[in-house]
Amino acid sequence: SGTVIGCTMSHWTLWKALDYLGQED
């Protein structure tokens, strides 16, 4: 469903942001 897709996108975009900008181990 759309809400499940929304949850997937929430995690995926966070991973992308952390991969590019994150400074932690």
mmCIF file of all heavy atoms, coordinates in Angstrom:
data_MODEL
# 
_entry.id   MODEL 
# 
loop_
_atom_site.group_PDB 
_atom_site.id 
_atom_site.type_symbol 
_atom_site.label_atom_id 
_atom_site.label_alt_id 
_atom_site.label_comp_id 
_atom_site.label_asym_id 
_atom_site.label_entity_id 
_atom_site.label_seq_id 
_atom_site.pdbx_PDB_ins_code 
_atom_site.Cartn_x 
_atom_site.Cartn_y 
_atom_site.Cartn_z 
_atom_site.occupancy 
_atom_site.B_iso_or_equiv 
_atom_site.pdbx_formal_charge 
_atom_site.auth_seq_id 
_atom_site.auth_comp_id 
_atom_site.auth_asym_id 
_atom_site.auth_atom_id 
_atom_site.pdbx_PDB_model_num 
ATOM 1   N N   . SER A 1 1  ? 0.825  -1.215 0.000  1.00 0.00 ? 1  SER A N   1 
ATOM 2   C CA  . SER A 1 1  ? 0.000  0.000  0.000  1.00 0.00 ? 1  SER A CA  1 
ATOM 3   C C   . SER A 1 1  ? 0.854  1.259  0.000  1.00 0.00 ? 1  SER A C   1 
ATOM 4   O O   . SER A 1 1  ? 2.073  1.217  0.229  1.00 0.00 ? 1  SER A O   1 
ATOM 5   C CB  . SER A 1 1  ? -0.911 0.002  1.226  1.00 0.00 ? 1  SER A CB  1 
ATOM 6   O OG  . SER A 1 1  ? -0.144 0.235  2.403  1.00 0.00 ? 1  SER A OG  1 
ATOM 7   N N   . GLY A 1 2  ? 0.198  2.383  -0.197 1.00 0.00 ? 2  GLY A N   1 
ATOM 8   C CA  . GLY A 1 2  ? 0.895  3.663  -0.197 1.00 0.00 ? 2  GLY A CA  1 
ATOM 9   C C   . GLY A 1 2  ? 1.565  3.994  1.113  1.00 0.00 ? 2  GLY A C   1 
ATOM 10  O O   . GLY A 1 2  ? 2.662  4.571  1.135  1.00 0.00 ? 2  GLY A O   1 
ATOM 11  N N   . THR A 1 3  ? 0.920  3.683  2.233  1.00 0.00 ? 3  THR A N   1 
ATOM 12  C CA  . THR A 1 3  ? 1.538  3.978  3.531  1.00 0.00 ? 3  THR A CA  1 
ATOM 13  C C   . THR A 1 3  ? 2.801  3.147  3.739  1.00 0.00 ? 3  THR A C   1 
ATOM 14  O O   . THR A 1 3  ? 3.774  3.625  4.333  1.00 0.00 ? 3  THR A O   1 
ATOM 15  C CB  . THR A 1 3  ? 0.550  3.706  4.677  1.00 0.00 ? 3  THR A CB  1 
ATOM 16  O OG1 . THR A 1 3  ? 0.022  2.382  4.554  1.00 0.00 ? 3  THR A OG1 1 
ATOM 17  C CG2 . THR A 1 3  ? -0.605 4.696  4.655  1.00 0.00 ? 3  THR A CG2 1 
ATOM 18  N N   . VAL A 1 4  ? 2.799  1.916  3.258  1.00 0.00 ? 4  VAL A N   1 
ATOM 19  C CA  . VAL A 1 4  ? 3.984  1.057  3.365  1.00 0.00 ? 4  VAL A CA  1 
ATOM 20  C C   . VAL A 1 4  ? 5.101  1.604  2.478  1.00 0.00 ? 4  VAL A C   1 
ATOM 21  O O   . VAL A 1 4  ? 6.276  1.616  2.869  1.00 0.00 ? 4  VAL A O   1 
ATOM 22  C CB  . VAL A 1 4  ? 3.632  -0.395 2.996  1.00 0.00 ? 4  VAL A CB  1 
ATOM 23  C CG1 . VAL A 1 4  ? 4.878  -1.272 2.994  1.00 0.00 ? 4  VAL A CG1 1 
ATOM 24  C CG2 . VAL A 1 4  ? 2.608  -0.950 3.969  1.00 0.00 ? 4  VAL A CG2 1 
ATOM 25  N N   . ILE A 1 5  ? 4.750  2.073  1.299  1.00 0.00 ? 5  ILE A N   1 
ATOM 26  C CA  . ILE A 1 5  ? 5.738  2.705  0.425  1.00 0.00 ? 5  ILE A CA  1 
ATOM 27  C C   . ILE A 1 5  ? 6.309  3.945  1.104  1.00 0.00 ? 5  ILE A C   1 
ATOM 28  O O   . ILE A 1 5  ? 7.521  4.202  1.058  1.00 0.00 ? 5  ILE A O   1 
ATOM 29  C CB  . ILE A 1 5  ? 5.106  3.076  -0.922 1.00 0.00 ? 5  ILE A CB  1 
ATOM 30  C CG1 . ILE A 1 5  ? 4.703  1.809  -1.681 1.00 0.00 ? 5  ILE A CG1 1 
ATOM 31  C CG2 . ILE A 1 5  ? 6.073  3.910  -1.772 1.00 0.00 ? 5  ILE A CG2 1 
ATOM 32  C CD1 . ILE A 1 5  ? 3.836  2.067  -2.889 1.00 0.00 ? 5  ILE A CD1 1 
ATOM 33  N N   . GLY A 1 6  ? 5.455  4.729  1.766  1.00 0.00 ? 6  GLY A N   1 
ATOM 34  C CA  . GLY A 1 6  ? 5.925  5.909  2.479  1.00 0.00 ? 6  GLY A CA  1 
ATOM 35  C C   . GLY A 1 6  ? 6.950  5.564  3.550  1.00 0.00 ? 6  GLY A C   1 
ATOM 36  O O   . GLY A 1 6  ? 7.950  6.262  3.714  1.00 0.00 ? 6  GLY A O   1 
ATOM 37  N N   . CYS A 1 7  ? 6.714  4.482  4.277  1.00 0.00 ? 7  CYS A N   1 
ATOM 38  C CA  . CYS A 1 7  ? 7.660  4.043  5.311  1.00 0.00 ? 7  CYS A CA  1 
ATOM 39  C C   . CYS A 1 7  ? 8.985  3.635  4.678  1.00 0.00 ? 7  CYS A C   1 
ATOM 40  O O   . CYS A 1 7  ? 10.066 3.994  5.176  1.00 0.00 ? 7  CYS A O   1 
ATOM 41  C CB  . CYS A 1 7  ? 7.053  2.892  6.113  1.00 0.00 ? 7  CYS A CB  1 
ATOM 42  S SG  . CYS A 1 7  ? 8.087  2.299  7.462  1.00 0.00 ? 7  CYS A SG  1 
ATOM 43  N N   . THR A 1 8  ? 8.917  2.896  3.577  1.00 0.00 ? 8  THR A N   1 
ATOM 44  C CA  . THR A 1 8  ? 10.135 2.496  2.870  1.00 0.00 ? 8  THR A CA  1 
ATOM 45  C C   . THR A 1 8  ? 10.926 3.715  2.426  1.00 0.00 ? 8  THR A C   1 
ATOM 46  O O   . THR A 1 8  ? 12.143 3.791  2.626  1.00 0.00 ? 8  THR A O   1 
ATOM 47  C CB  . THR A 1 8  ? 9.781  1.637  1.645  1.00 0.00 ? 8  THR A CB  1 
ATOM 48  O OG1 . THR A 1 8  ? 9.112  0.446  2.073  1.00 0.00 ? 8  THR A OG1 1 
ATOM 49  C CG2 . THR A 1 8  ? 11.028 1.257  0.851  1.00 0.00 ? 8  THR A CG2 1 
ATOM 50  N N   . MET A 1 9  ? 10.246 4.686  1.835  1.00 0.00 ? 9  MET A N   1 
ATOM 51  C CA  . MET A 1 9  ? 10.921 5.893  1.368  1.00 0.00 ? 9  MET A CA  1 
ATOM 52  C C   . MET A 1 9  ? 11.523 6.696  2.516  1.00 0.00 ? 9  MET A C   1 
ATOM 53  O O   . MET A 1 9  ? 12.576 7.321  2.376  1.00 0.00 ? 9  MET A O   1 
ATOM 54  C CB  . MET A 1 9  ? 9.943  6.759  0.577  1.00 0.00 ? 9  MET A CB  1 
ATOM 55  C CG  . MET A 1 9  ? 9.541  6.173  -0.761 1.00 0.00 ? 9  MET A CG  1 
ATOM 56  S SD  . MET A 1 9  ? 10.963 5.930  -1.865 1.00 0.00 ? 9  MET A SD  1 
ATOM 57  C CE  . MET A 1 9  ? 11.531 7.613  -2.063 1.00 0.00 ? 9  MET A CE  1 
ATOM 58  N N   . SER A 1 10 ? 10.872 6.682  3.663  1.00 0.00 ? 10 SER A N   1 
ATOM 59  C CA  . SER A 1 10 ? 11.399 7.398  4.829  1.00 0.00 ? 10 SER A CA  1 
ATOM 60  C C   . SER A 1 10 ? 12.752 6.843  5.238  1.00 0.00 ? 10 SER A C   1 
ATOM 61  O O   . SER A 1 10 ? 13.701 7.596  5.490  1.00 0.00 ? 10 SER A O   1 
ATOM 62  C CB  . SER A 1 10 ? 10.408 7.307  5.988  1.00 0.00 ? 10 SER A CB  1 
ATOM 63  O OG  . SER A 1 10 ? 9.175  7.907  5.659  1.00 0.00 ? 10 SER A OG  1 
ATOM 64  N N   . HIS A 1 11 ? 12.849 5.517  5.318  1.00 0.00 ? 11 HIS A N   1 
ATOM 65  C CA  . HIS A 1 11 ? 14.122 4.900  5.700  1.00 0.00 ? 11 HIS A CA  1 
ATOM 66  C C   . HIS A 1 11 ? 15.158 5.072  4.597  1.00 0.00 ? 11 HIS A C   1 
ATOM 67  O O   . HIS A 1 11 ? 16.320 5.421  4.868  1.00 0.00 ? 11 HIS A O   1 
ATOM 68  C CB  . HIS A 1 11 ? 13.908 3.419  6.017  1.00 0.00 ? 11 HIS A CB  1 
ATOM 69  C CG  . HIS A 1 11 ? 13.243 3.174  7.323  1.00 0.00 ? 11 HIS A CG  1 
ATOM 70  N ND1 . HIS A 1 11 ? 13.934 3.002  8.505  1.00 0.00 ? 11 HIS A ND1 1 
ATOM 71  C CD2 . HIS A 1 11 ? 11.923 3.087  7.652  1.00 0.00 ? 11 HIS A CD2 1 
ATOM 72  C CE1 . HIS A 1 11 ? 13.085 2.820  9.500  1.00 0.00 ? 11 HIS A CE1 1 
ATOM 73  N NE2 . HIS A 1 11 ? 11.860 2.862  9.007  1.00 0.00 ? 11 HIS A NE2 1 
ATOM 74  N N   . TRP A 1 12 ? 14.760 4.853  3.339  1.00 0.00 ? 12 TRP A N   1 
ATOM 75  C CA  . TRP A 1 12 ? 15.709 4.883  2.228  1.00 0.00 ? 12 TRP A CA  1 
ATOM 76  C C   . TRP A 1 12 ? 16.318 6.271  2.064  1.00 0.00 ? 12 TRP A C   1 
ATOM 77  O O   . TRP A 1 12 ? 17.531 6.409  1.869  1.00 0.00 ? 12 TRP A O   1 
ATOM 78  C CB  . TRP A 1 12 ? 15.006 4.434  0.940  1.00 0.00 ? 12 TRP A CB  1 
ATOM 79  C CG  . TRP A 1 12 ? 15.945 4.113  -0.179 1.00 0.00 ? 12 TRP A CG  1 
ATOM 80  C CD1 . TRP A 1 12 ? 16.577 2.922  -0.421 1.00 0.00 ? 12 TRP A CD1 1 
ATOM 81  C CD2 . TRP A 1 12 ? 16.356 5.006  -1.234 1.00 0.00 ? 12 TRP A CD2 1 
ATOM 82  N NE1 . TRP A 1 12 ? 17.348 3.006  -1.551 1.00 0.00 ? 12 TRP A NE1 1 
ATOM 83  C CE2 . TRP A 1 12 ? 17.233 4.276  -2.068 1.00 0.00 ? 12 TRP A CE2 1 
ATOM 84  C CE3 . TRP A 1 12 ? 16.061 6.327  -1.533 1.00 0.00 ? 12 TRP A CE3 1 
ATOM 85  C CZ2 . TRP A 1 12 ? 17.823 4.846  -3.201 1.00 0.00 ? 12 TRP A CZ2 1 
ATOM 86  C CZ3 . TRP A 1 12 ? 16.659 6.898  -2.668 1.00 0.00 ? 12 TRP A CZ3 1 
ATOM 87  C CH2 . TRP A 1 12 ? 17.518 6.154  -3.478 1.00 0.00 ? 12 TRP A CH2 1 
ATOM 88  N N   . THR A 1 13 ? 15.496 7.310  2.141  1.00 0.00 ? 13 THR A N   1 
ATOM 89  C CA  . THR A 1 13 ? 16.038 8.661  1.992  1.00 0.00 ? 13 THR A CA  1 
ATOM 90  C C   . THR A 1 13 ? 16.924 9.047  3.176  1.00 0.00 ? 13 THR A C   1 
ATOM 91  O O   . THR A 1 13 ? 17.908 9.776  3.013  1.00 0.00 ? 13 THR A O   1 
ATOM 92  C CB  . THR A 1 13 ? 14.911 9.696  1.821  1.00 0.00 ? 13 THR A CB  1 
ATOM 93  O OG1 . THR A 1 13 ? 13.971 9.580  2.900  1.00 0.00 ? 13 THR A OG1 1 
ATOM 94  C CG2 . THR A 1 13 ? 14.195 9.501  0.495  1.00 0.00 ? 13 THR A CG2 1 
ATOM 95  N N   . LEU A 1 14 ? 16.601 8.548  4.377  1.00 0.00 ? 14 LEU A N   1 
ATOM 96  C CA  . LEU A 1 14 ? 17.483 8.787  5.525  1.00 0.00 ? 14 LEU A CA  1 
ATOM 97  C C   . LEU A 1 14 ? 18.842 8.135  5.296  1.00 0.00 ? 14 LEU A C   1 
ATOM 98  O O   . LEU A 1 14 ? 19.887 8.751  5.556  1.00 0.00 ? 14 LEU A O   1 
ATOM 99  C CB  . LEU A 1 14 ? 16.848 8.258  6.809  1.00 0.00 ? 14 LEU A CB  1 
ATOM 100 C CG  . LEU A 1 14 ? 17.740 8.308  8.062  1.00 0.00 ? 14 LEU A CG  1 
ATOM 101 C CD1 . LEU A 1 14 ? 18.180 9.734  8.378  1.00 0.00 ? 14 LEU A CD1 1 
ATOM 102 C CD2 . LEU A 1 14 ? 17.018 7.688  9.256  1.00 0.00 ? 14 LEU A CD2 1 
ATOM 103 N N   . TRP A 1 15 ? 18.853 6.893  4.813  1.00 0.00 ? 15 TRP A N   1 
ATOM 104 C CA  . TRP A 1 15 ? 20.132 6.229  4.516  1.00 0.00 ? 15 TRP A CA  1 
ATOM 105 C C   . TRP A 1 15 ? 20.949 7.034  3.520  1.00 0.00 ? 15 TRP A C   1 
ATOM 106 O O   . TRP A 1 15 ? 22.155 7.188  3.682  1.00 0.00 ? 15 TRP A O   1 
ATOM 107 C CB  . TRP A 1 15 ? 19.900 4.828  3.955  1.00 0.00 ? 15 TRP A CB  1 
ATOM 108 C CG  . TRP A 1 15 ? 19.130 3.907  4.839  1.00 0.00 ? 15 TRP A CG  1 
ATOM 109 C CD1 . TRP A 1 15 ? 19.058 3.927  6.210  1.00 0.00 ? 15 TRP A CD1 1 
ATOM 110 C CD2 . TRP A 1 15 ? 18.316 2.823  4.416  1.00 0.00 ? 15 TRP A CD2 1 
ATOM 111 N NE1 . TRP A 1 15 ? 18.251 2.913  6.655  1.00 0.00 ? 15 TRP A NE1 1 
ATOM 112 C CE2 . TRP A 1 15 ? 17.775 2.214  5.574  1.00 0.00 ? 15 TRP A CE2 1 
ATOM 113 C CE3 . TRP A 1 15 ? 17.976 2.287  3.167  1.00 0.00 ? 15 TRP A CE3 1 
ATOM 114 C CZ2 . TRP A 1 15 ? 16.932 1.112  5.523  1.00 0.00 ? 15 TRP A CZ2 1 
ATOM 115 C CZ3 . TRP A 1 15 ? 17.133 1.183  3.103  1.00 0.00 ? 15 TRP A CZ3 1 
ATOM 116 C CH2 . TRP A 1 15 ? 16.622 0.604  4.276  1.00 0.00 ? 15 TRP A CH2 1 
ATOM 117 N N   . LYS A 1 16 ? 20.283 7.544  2.487  1.00 0.00 ? 16 LYS A N   1 
ATOM 118 C CA  . LYS A 1 16 ? 20.992 8.337  1.489  1.00 0.00 ? 16 LYS A CA  1 
ATOM 119 C C   . LYS A 1 16 ? 21.618 9.584  2.115  1.00 0.00 ? 16 LYS A C   1 
ATOM 120 O O   . LYS A 1 16 ? 22.780 9.923  1.840  1.00 0.00 ? 16 LYS A O   1 
ATOM 121 C CB  . LYS A 1 16 ? 20.028 8.751  0.374  1.00 0.00 ? 16 LYS A CB  1 
ATOM 122 C CG  . LYS A 1 16 ? 19.595 7.628  -0.539 1.00 0.00 ? 16 LYS A CG  1 
ATOM 123 C CD  . LYS A 1 16 ? 20.681 7.254  -1.534 1.00 0.00 ? 16 LYS A CD  1 
ATOM 124 C CE  . LYS A 1 16 ? 20.799 8.250  -2.665 1.00 0.00 ? 16 LYS A CE  1 
ATOM 125 N NZ  . LYS A 1 16 ? 21.756 7.796  -3.721 1.00 0.00 ? 16 LYS A NZ  1 
ATOM 126 N N   . ALA A 1 17 ? 20.847 10.264 2.958  1.00 0.00 ? 17 ALA A N   1 
ATOM 127 C CA  . ALA A 1 17 ? 21.357 11.476 3.599  1.00 0.00 ? 17 ALA A CA  1 
ATOM 128 C C   . ALA A 1 17 ? 22.550 11.163 4.507  1.00 0.00 ? 17 ALA A C   1 
ATOM 129 O O   . ALA A 1 17 ? 23.565 11.878 4.495  1.00 0.00 ? 17 ALA A O   1 
ATOM 130 C CB  . ALA A 1 17 ? 20.241 12.152 4.392  1.00 0.00 ? 17 ALA A CB  1 
ATOM 131 N N   . LEU A 1 18 ? 22.431 10.100 5.302  1.00 0.00 ? 18 LEU A N   1 
ATOM 132 C CA  . LEU A 1 18 ? 23.523 9.734  6.203  1.00 0.00 ? 18 LEU A CA  1 
ATOM 133 C C   . LEU A 1 18 ? 24.758 9.303  5.422  1.00 0.00 ? 18 LEU A C   1 
ATOM 134 O O   . LEU A 1 18 ? 25.892 9.594  5.809  1.00 0.00 ? 18 LEU A O   1 
ATOM 135 C CB  . LEU A 1 18 ? 23.079 8.611  7.143  1.00 0.00 ? 18 LEU A CB  1 
ATOM 136 C CG  . LEU A 1 18 ? 22.008 8.972  8.174  1.00 0.00 ? 18 LEU A CG  1 
ATOM 137 C CD1 . LEU A 1 18 ? 21.586 7.737  8.951  1.00 0.00 ? 18 LEU A CD1 1 
ATOM 138 C CD2 . LEU A 1 18 ? 22.497 10.057 9.122  1.00 0.00 ? 18 LEU A CD2 1 
ATOM 139 N N   . ASP A 1 19 ? 24.554 8.606  4.301  1.00 0.00 ? 19 ASP A N   1 
ATOM 140 C CA  . ASP A 1 19 ? 25.676 8.154  3.491  1.00 0.00 ? 19 ASP A CA  1 
ATOM 141 C C   . ASP A 1 19 ? 26.451 9.336  2.922  1.00 0.00 ? 19 ASP A C   1 
ATOM 142 O O   . ASP A 1 19 ? 27.679 9.335  2.899  1.00 0.00 ? 19 ASP A O   1 
ATOM 143 C CB  . ASP A 1 19 ? 25.154 7.260  2.356  1.00 0.00 ? 19 ASP A CB  1 
ATOM 144 C CG  . ASP A 1 19 ? 26.276 6.559  1.604  1.00 0.00 ? 19 ASP A CG  1 
ATOM 145 O OD1 . ASP A 1 19 ? 27.243 6.111  2.252  1.00 0.00 ? 19 ASP A OD1 1 
ATOM 146 O OD2 . ASP A 1 19 ? 26.191 6.456  0.368  1.00 0.00 ? 19 ASP A OD2 1 
ATOM 147 N N   . TYR A 1 20 ? 25.744 10.373 2.490  1.00 0.00 ? 20 TYR A N   1 
ATOM 148 C CA  . TYR A 1 20 ? 26.395 11.540 1.916  1.00 0.00 ? 20 TYR A CA  1 
ATOM 149 C C   . TYR A 1 20 ? 26.930 12.505 2.966  1.00 0.00 ? 20 TYR A C   1 
ATOM 150 O O   . TYR A 1 20 ? 28.019 13.075 2.810  1.00 0.00 ? 20 TYR A O   1 
ATOM 151 C CB  . TYR A 1 20 ? 25.412 12.298 1.016  1.00 0.00 ? 20 TYR A CB  1 
ATOM 152 C CG  . TYR A 1 20 ? 25.284 11.713 -0.374 1.00 0.00 ? 20 TYR A CG  1 
ATOM 153 C CD1 . TYR A 1 20 ? 24.142 11.023 -0.737 1.00 0.00 ? 20 TYR A CD1 1 
ATOM 154 C CD2 . TYR A 1 20 ? 26.303 11.855 -1.313 1.00 0.00 ? 20 TYR A CD2 1 
ATOM 155 C CE1 . TYR A 1 20 ? 24.021 10.476 -2.012 1.00 0.00 ? 20 TYR A CE1 1 
ATOM 156 C CE2 . TYR A 1 20 ? 26.186 11.324 -2.583 1.00 0.00 ? 20 TYR A CE2 1 
ATOM 157 C CZ  . TYR A 1 20 ? 25.039 10.634 -2.930 1.00 0.00 ? 20 TYR A CZ  1 
ATOM 158 O OH  . TYR A 1 20 ? 24.930 10.100 -4.183 1.00 0.00 ? 20 TYR A OH  1 
ATOM 159 N N   . LEU A 1 21 ? 26.168 12.708 4.030  1.00 0.00 ? 21 LEU A N   1 
ATOM 160 C CA  . LEU A 1 21 ? 26.473 13.791 4.967  1.00 0.00 ? 21 LEU A CA  1 
ATOM 161 C C   . LEU A 1 21 ? 26.899 13.323 6.352  1.00 0.00 ? 21 LEU A C   1 
ATOM 162 O O   . LEU A 1 21 ? 27.459 14.112 7.122  1.00 0.00 ? 21 LEU A O   1 
ATOM 163 C CB  . LEU A 1 21 ? 25.248 14.704 5.107  1.00 0.00 ? 21 LEU A CB  1 
ATOM 164 C CG  . LEU A 1 21 ? 24.720 15.315 3.806  1.00 0.00 ? 21 LEU A CG  1 
ATOM 165 C CD1 . LEU A 1 21 ? 23.419 16.058 4.068  1.00 0.00 ? 21 LEU A CD1 1 
ATOM 166 C CD2 . LEU A 1 21 ? 25.753 16.240 3.189  1.00 0.00 ? 21 LEU A CD2 1 
ATOM 167 N N   . GLY A 1 22 ? 26.601 12.085 6.705  1.00 0.00 ? 22 GLY A N   1 
ATOM 168 C CA  . GLY A 1 22 ? 26.885 11.608 8.053  1.00 0.00 ? 22 GLY A CA  1 
ATOM 169 C C   . GLY A 1 22 ? 28.373 11.511 8.332  1.00 0.00 ? 22 GLY A C   1 
ATOM 170 O O   . GLY A 1 22 ? 29.168 11.159 7.453  1.00 0.00 ? 22 GLY A O   1 
ATOM 171 N N   . GLN A 1 23 ? 28.741 11.807 9.568  1.00 0.00 ? 23 GLN A N   1 
ATOM 172 C CA  . GLN A 1 23 ? 30.145 11.808 9.976  1.00 0.00 ? 23 GLN A CA  1 
ATOM 173 C C   . GLN A 1 23 ? 30.453 10.750 11.036 1.00 0.00 ? 23 GLN A C   1 
ATOM 174 O O   . GLN A 1 23 ? 31.591 10.658 11.498 1.00 0.00 ? 23 GLN A O   1 
ATOM 175 C CB  . GLN A 1 23 ? 30.513 13.192 10.529 1.00 0.00 ? 23 GLN A CB  1 
ATOM 176 C CG  . GLN A 1 23 ? 30.313 14.329 9.545  1.00 0.00 ? 23 GLN A CG  1 
ATOM 177 C CD  . GLN A 1 23 ? 31.239 14.249 8.353  1.00 0.00 ? 23 GLN A CD  1 
ATOM 178 O OE1 . GLN A 1 23 ? 32.414 13.915 8.489  1.00 0.00 ? 23 GLN A OE1 1 
ATOM 179 N NE2 . GLN A 1 23 ? 30.708 14.527 7.166  1.00 0.00 ? 23 GLN A NE2 1 
ATOM 180 N N   . GLU A 1 24 ? 29.446 9.971  11.412 1.00 0.00 ? 24 GLU A N   1 
ATOM 181 C CA  . GLU A 1 24 ? 29.624 9.016  12.505 1.00 0.00 ? 24 GLU A CA  1 
ATOM 182 C C   . GLU A 1 24 ? 29.972 7.621  11.966 1.00 0.00 ? 24 GLU A C   1 
ATOM 183 O O   . GLU A 1 24 ? 29.708 7.304  10.802 1.00 0.00 ? 24 GLU A O   1 
ATOM 184 C CB  . GLU A 1 24 ? 28.344 8.927  13.338 1.00 0.00 ? 24 GLU A CB  1 
ATOM 185 C CG  . GLU A 1 24 ? 27.837 10.254 13.856 1.00 0.00 ? 24 GLU A CG  1 
ATOM 186 C CD  . GLU A 1 24 ? 28.799 10.916 14.819 1.00 0.00 ? 24 GLU A CD  1 
ATOM 187 O OE1 . GLU A 1 24 ? 29.546 10.197 15.508 1.00 0.00 ? 24 GLU A OE1 1 
ATOM 188 O OE2 . GLU A 1 24 ? 28.813 12.153 14.883 1.00 0.00 ? 24 GLU A OE2 1 
ATOM 189 N N   . ASP A 1 25 ? 30.542 6.797  12.826 1.00 0.00 ? 25 ASP A N   1 
ATOM 190 C CA  . ASP A 1 25 ? 30.811 5.404  12.464 1.00 0.00 ? 25 ASP A CA  1 
ATOM 191 C C   . ASP A 1 25 ? 29.517 4.603  12.425 1.00 0.00 ? 25 ASP A C   1 
ATOM 192 O O   . ASP A 1 25 ? 29.387 3.660  11.635 1.00 0.00 ? 25 ASP A O   1 
ATOM 193 C CB  . ASP A 1 25 ? 31.784 4.778  13.466 1.00 0.00 ? 25 ASP A CB  1 
ATOM 194 C CG  . ASP A 1 25 ? 32.068 3.316  13.165 1.00 0.00 ? 25 ASP A CG  1 
ATOM 195 O OD1 . ASP A 1 25 ? 32.360 2.995  12.001 1.00 0.00 ? 25 ASP A OD1 1 
ATOM 196 O OD2 . ASP A 1 25 ? 31.977 2.483  14.095 1.00 0.00 ? 25 ASP A OD2 1 
# 
